[in-house]
């Protein structure tokens, strides 16, 4: 039987994945990294590091 620690780890991982998907959706729909960062009260560089290979590409695909 999994421990509570294992359950919490899986939940934390899933929560982080959902957070990244929501941030990606905002970027894909035209929000800037600065706007997303301000909404989350984090530095823009924190948002940039989430998607290093996609830097600037969210707006160019529209």
N, C-alpha and C. Protein backbone atom coordinates (compact mmCIF):
# COMPACT_ATOMS: atom_id res chain seq x y z
N UNK A 1 0.84 -1.19 0.00
CA UNK A 1 0.00 0.00 0.00
C UNK A 1 0.89 1.25 0.00
N UNK A 2 0.61 2.22 -0.89
CA UNK A 2 1.43 3.43 -0.95
C UNK A 2 1.31 4.24 0.34
N UNK A 3 2.40 4.89 0.69
CA UNK A 3 2.39 5.73 1.87
C UNK A 3 1.75 7.08 1.54
N UNK A 4 1.40 7.81 2.58
CA UNK A 4 0.87 9.16 2.37
C UNK A 4 1.89 10.04 1.69
N UNK A 5 3.16 9.81 1.95
CA UNK A 5 4.21 10.58 1.30
C UNK A 5 4.19 10.36 -0.21
N UNK A 6 4.02 9.12 -0.63
CA UNK A 6 3.93 8.82 -2.07
C UNK A 6 2.72 9.50 -2.69
N UNK A 7 1.60 9.44 -2.00
CA UNK A 7 0.39 10.08 -2.50
C UNK A 7 0.57 11.59 -2.63
N UNK A 8 1.19 12.19 -1.63
CA UNK A 8 1.43 13.63 -1.66
C UNK A 8 2.39 14.01 -2.78
N UNK A 9 3.40 13.19 -3.02
CA UNK A 9 4.34 13.45 -4.10
C UNK A 9 3.64 13.41 -5.45
N UNK A 10 2.81 12.40 -5.66
CA UNK A 10 2.06 12.30 -6.92
C UNK A 10 1.11 13.49 -7.09
N UNK A 11 0.46 13.89 -6.01
CA UNK A 11 -0.45 15.03 -6.06
C UNK A 11 0.31 16.32 -6.38
N UNK A 12 1.46 16.51 -5.76
CA UNK A 12 2.28 17.69 -6.03
C UNK A 12 2.76 17.71 -7.48
N UNK A 13 3.17 16.56 -7.98
CA UNK A 13 3.61 16.48 -9.38
C UNK A 13 2.47 16.80 -10.34
N UNK A 14 1.30 16.26 -10.07
CA UNK A 14 0.13 16.51 -10.91
C UNK A 14 -0.26 17.99 -10.86
N UNK A 15 -0.19 18.58 -9.68
CA UNK A 15 -0.53 19.99 -9.53
C UNK A 15 0.43 20.87 -10.33
N UNK A 16 1.71 20.54 -10.29
CA UNK A 16 2.70 21.30 -11.05
C UNK A 16 2.46 21.15 -12.55
N UNK A 17 2.11 19.97 -12.99
CA UNK A 17 1.81 19.75 -14.42
C UNK A 17 0.61 20.59 -14.86
N UNK A 18 -0.42 20.64 -14.03
CA UNK A 18 -1.61 21.44 -14.34
C UNK A 18 -1.25 22.92 -14.40
N UNK A 19 -0.44 23.37 -13.45
CA UNK A 19 0.00 24.77 -13.43
C UNK A 19 0.74 25.12 -14.72
N UNK A 20 1.63 24.24 -15.16
CA UNK A 20 2.37 24.50 -16.40
C UNK A 20 1.45 24.54 -17.60
N UNK A 21 0.47 23.65 -17.65
CA UNK A 21 -0.48 23.66 -18.76
C UNK A 21 -1.29 24.96 -18.79
N UNK A 22 -1.71 25.43 -17.63
CA UNK A 22 -2.48 26.67 -17.57
C UNK A 22 -1.62 27.87 -17.99
N UNK A 23 -0.38 27.89 -17.55
CA UNK A 23 0.53 28.96 -17.96
C UNK A 23 0.76 28.91 -19.47
N UNK A 24 0.97 27.71 -20.00
CA UNK A 24 1.16 27.58 -21.44
C UNK A 24 -0.06 28.07 -22.20
N UNK A 25 -1.26 27.75 -21.71
CA UNK A 25 -2.49 28.20 -22.37
C UNK A 25 -2.57 29.73 -22.37
N UNK A 26 -2.20 30.37 -21.28
CA UNK A 26 -2.21 31.83 -21.24
C UNK A 26 -1.23 32.40 -22.26
N UNK A 27 -0.04 31.84 -22.31
CA UNK A 27 0.96 32.32 -23.28
C UNK A 27 0.49 32.08 -24.71
N UNK A 28 -0.08 30.93 -24.94
CA UNK A 28 -0.57 30.58 -26.28
C UNK A 28 -1.68 31.51 -26.76
N UNK A 29 -2.46 32.00 -25.79
CA UNK A 29 -3.58 32.89 -26.11
C UNK A 29 -3.20 34.36 -26.09
N UNK A 30 -1.89 34.64 -26.06
CA UNK A 30 -1.44 36.01 -26.25
C UNK A 30 -0.96 36.75 -25.02
N UNK A 31 -1.07 36.18 -23.84
CA UNK A 31 -0.54 36.85 -22.65
C UNK A 31 0.98 36.84 -22.74
N UNK A 32 1.58 37.90 -22.28
CA UNK A 32 3.05 37.94 -22.27
C UNK A 32 3.56 37.24 -21.02
N UNK A 33 4.83 36.88 -21.06
CA UNK A 33 5.45 36.27 -19.89
C UNK A 33 5.39 37.23 -18.71
N UNK A 34 5.56 38.51 -18.97
CA UNK A 34 5.51 39.51 -17.91
C UNK A 34 4.11 39.58 -17.28
N UNK A 35 3.07 39.49 -18.10
CA UNK A 35 1.70 39.52 -17.58
C UNK A 35 1.42 38.29 -16.72
N UNK A 36 1.83 37.13 -17.18
CA UNK A 36 1.63 35.90 -16.42
C UNK A 36 2.40 35.96 -15.11
N UNK A 37 3.63 36.43 -15.18
CA UNK A 37 4.46 36.53 -13.98
C UNK A 37 3.83 37.48 -12.97
N UNK A 38 3.33 38.60 -13.43
CA UNK A 38 2.70 39.56 -12.52
C UNK A 38 1.47 38.95 -11.85
N UNK A 39 0.68 38.21 -12.61
CA UNK A 39 -0.52 37.58 -12.06
C UNK A 39 -0.18 36.54 -11.00
N UNK A 40 0.98 35.89 -11.15
CA UNK A 40 1.40 34.86 -10.20
C UNK A 40 2.37 35.39 -9.14
N UNK A 41 2.68 36.68 -9.21
CA UNK A 41 3.62 37.32 -8.27
C UNK A 41 4.99 36.62 -8.26
N UNK A 42 5.48 36.35 -9.47
CA UNK A 42 6.81 35.77 -9.63
C UNK A 42 7.57 36.60 -10.66
N UNK A 43 8.87 36.39 -10.77
CA UNK A 43 9.68 37.06 -11.79
C UNK A 43 9.36 36.50 -13.17
N UNK A 44 9.49 37.34 -14.17
CA UNK A 44 9.29 36.89 -15.55
C UNK A 44 10.24 35.77 -15.91
N UNK A 45 11.43 35.79 -15.33
CA UNK A 45 12.41 34.74 -15.64
C UNK A 45 11.93 33.37 -15.16
N UNK A 46 11.11 33.34 -14.11
CA UNK A 46 10.55 32.07 -13.63
C UNK A 46 9.63 31.47 -14.68
N UNK A 47 8.88 32.31 -15.36
CA UNK A 47 7.98 31.83 -16.41
C UNK A 47 8.81 31.39 -17.61
N UNK A 48 9.81 32.17 -17.96
CA UNK A 48 10.67 31.85 -19.09
C UNK A 48 11.34 30.49 -18.92
N UNK A 49 11.77 30.18 -17.70
CA UNK A 49 12.46 28.91 -17.44
C UNK A 49 11.54 27.71 -17.57
N UNK A 50 10.24 27.90 -17.45
CA UNK A 50 9.31 26.77 -17.58
C UNK A 50 9.30 26.20 -18.99
N UNK A 51 9.52 27.07 -19.98
CA UNK A 51 9.43 26.66 -21.39
C UNK A 51 10.64 27.19 -22.17
N UNK A 52 11.83 26.74 -21.85
CA UNK A 52 13.02 27.32 -22.47
C UNK A 52 13.08 27.16 -23.99
N UNK A 53 12.60 26.05 -24.52
CA UNK A 53 12.66 25.83 -25.96
C UNK A 53 11.57 26.58 -26.70
N UNK A 54 10.57 27.08 -26.01
CA UNK A 54 9.44 27.75 -26.65
C UNK A 54 9.52 29.26 -26.50
N UNK A 55 10.67 29.79 -26.15
CA UNK A 55 10.81 31.21 -25.88
C UNK A 55 10.33 32.05 -27.06
N UNK A 56 9.30 32.83 -26.80
CA UNK A 56 8.77 33.73 -27.82
C UNK A 56 7.93 33.07 -28.89
N UNK A 57 7.77 31.77 -28.86
CA UNK A 57 7.05 31.12 -29.96
C UNK A 57 5.55 31.08 -29.77
N UNK A 58 5.04 31.35 -28.59
CA UNK A 58 3.60 31.26 -28.35
C UNK A 58 2.85 32.28 -29.19
N UNK A 59 3.40 33.47 -29.31
CA UNK A 59 2.71 34.51 -30.08
C UNK A 59 2.90 34.33 -31.58
N UNK A 60 3.96 33.71 -32.00
CA UNK A 60 4.21 33.59 -33.43
C UNK A 60 3.37 32.50 -34.08
N UNK A 61 2.76 31.63 -33.31
CA UNK A 61 1.96 30.55 -33.88
C UNK A 61 0.53 30.93 -34.16
N UNK A 62 0.09 32.08 -33.71
CA UNK A 62 -1.31 32.49 -33.87
C UNK A 62 -1.71 32.65 -35.29
